[in-house]
Amino acid sequence: MAHQLITLADLQQFKIELIAELTRLLTSHAPEPPKQWLKSYEVRKIMGISRGTLQTLRTNGTLKATKIGGLMFYAADDISKLMQGPNNQDKR
């Protein structure tokens, strides 16, 4: 069995390399910030509703939407408030 001698310099170099690798891994796997605006298909998926239901929510004013270039966008905050129910929404 061969013996290896590990010096203090070896340990310091290992520490530097380990910290660099951990930093790289943590920054490459950082979660994306939450979206501010959602497309129709994202809203339907989150809420588990059909296209017709989403249109009804939009038409009756329950959910505001902004149309940009033929696509409908919804504020993520509005979706959260709607899903929390009427008891947790601001009184208007």
Protein backbone atom coordinates (compact mmCIF):
# COMPACT_ATOMS: atom_id res chain seq x y z
CA MET A 1 0.00 0.00 0.00
CA ALA A 2 1.47 3.33 -1.11
CA HIS A 3 1.36 6.28 1.25
CA GLN A 4 0.77 9.85 0.16
CA LEU A 5 1.79 12.89 2.13
CA ILE A 6 -0.78 15.67 2.15
CA THR A 7 0.58 19.07 2.99
CA LEU A 8 -1.14 22.19 4.28
CA ALA A 9 -0.69 23.74 0.82
CA ASP A 10 -2.49 20.74 -0.72
CA LEU A 11 -5.42 21.21 1.66
CA GLN A 12 -5.61 24.94 0.94
CA GLN A 13 -5.61 24.28 -2.81
CA PHE A 14 -8.33 21.66 -2.36
CA LYS A 15 -10.42 24.15 -0.35
CA ILE A 16 -10.11 26.80 -3.08
CA GLU A 17 -11.12 24.32 -5.78
CA LEU A 18 -14.03 22.98 -3.70
CA ILE A 19 -15.43 26.45 -3.00
CA ALA A 20 -15.12 27.39 -6.67
CA GLU A 21 -16.98 24.25 -7.76
CA LEU A 22 -19.73 24.71 -5.17
CA THR A 23 -20.17 28.35 -6.20
CA ARG A 24 -20.42 27.33 -9.84
CA LEU A 25 -23.01 24.65 -9.06
CA LEU A 26 -25.12 26.94 -6.89
CA THR A 27 -25.19 29.78 -9.40
CA SER A 28 -25.95 27.52 -12.36
CA HIS A 29 -28.90 25.92 -10.54
CA ALA A 30 -30.33 29.06 -8.98
CA PRO A 31 -34.11 29.18 -9.28
CA GLU A 32 -35.56 31.58 -11.80
CA PRO A 33 -37.34 34.58 -10.39
CA PRO A 34 -41.12 34.24 -10.53
CA LYS A 35 -42.78 35.57 -13.65
CA GLN A 36 -44.68 38.83 -13.40
CA TRP A 37 -46.84 38.16 -16.48
CA LEU A 38 -48.34 34.85 -17.57
CA LYS A 39 -49.69 33.72 -20.93
CA SER A 40 -53.14 32.16 -21.28
CA TYR A 41 -51.87 28.58 -21.44
CA GLU A 42 -49.86 29.11 -18.23
CA VAL A 43 -52.89 30.51 -16.41
CA ARG A 44 -55.07 27.61 -17.58
CA LYS A 45 -52.46 25.10 -16.44
CA ILE A 46 -51.99 26.73 -13.02
CA MET A 47 -55.71 27.08 -12.38
CA GLY A 48 -56.75 23.84 -14.07
CA ILE A 49 -59.40 25.53 -16.22
CA SER A 50 -60.46 25.42 -19.86
CA ARG A 51 -60.13 28.11 -22.51
CA GLY A 52 -63.82 28.90 -22.18
CA THR A 53 -63.62 29.35 -18.42
CA LEU A 54 -60.63 31.65 -18.80
CA GLN A 55 -62.53 33.70 -21.36
CA THR A 56 -65.54 33.89 -19.02
CA LEU A 57 -63.31 35.15 -16.18
CA ARG A 58 -61.93 37.76 -18.54
CA THR A 59 -65.32 38.77 -19.96
CA ASN A 60 -67.10 39.17 -16.62
CA GLY A 61 -64.21 41.22 -15.20
CA THR A 62 -63.05 38.68 -12.62
CA LEU A 63 -59.61 38.56 -14.22
CA LYS A 64 -57.98 41.44 -16.04
CA ALA A 65 -55.86 40.74 -19.11
CA THR A 66 -53.63 42.76 -21.39
CA LYS A 67 -53.47 41.95 -25.09
CA ILE A 68 -50.07 42.41 -26.72
CA GLY A 69 -49.54 41.36 -30.31
CA GLY A 70 -52.42 38.92 -30.31
CA LEU A 71 -51.41 37.26 -27.02
CA MET A 72 -53.24 37.69 -23.74
CA PHE A 73 -51.14 38.32 -20.64
CA TYR A 74 -52.27 38.11 -17.02
CA ALA A 75 -50.61 39.56 -13.92
CA ALA A 76 -49.27 36.76 -11.71
CA ASP A 77 -50.46 38.67 -8.62
CA ASP A 78 -54.02 38.72 -9.96
CA ILE A 79 -53.91 34.96 -10.50
CA SER A 80 -52.65 34.39 -6.94
CA LYS A 81 -55.39 36.58 -5.47
CA LEU A 82 -58.06 34.84 -7.51
CA MET A 83 -56.88 31.41 -6.42
CA GLN A 84 -56.83 32.42 -2.75
CA GLY A 85 -60.54 33.09 -2.90
CA PRO A 86 -62.80 36.01 -2.06
CA ASN A 87 -61.97 36.03 1.67
CA ASN A 88 -58.33 36.96 1.07
CA GLN A 89 -58.84 39.54 -1.67
CA ASP A 90 -58.78 43.28 -1.07
CA LYS A 91 -62.23 44.77 -0.57
CA ARG A 92 -62.96 47.15 -3.45
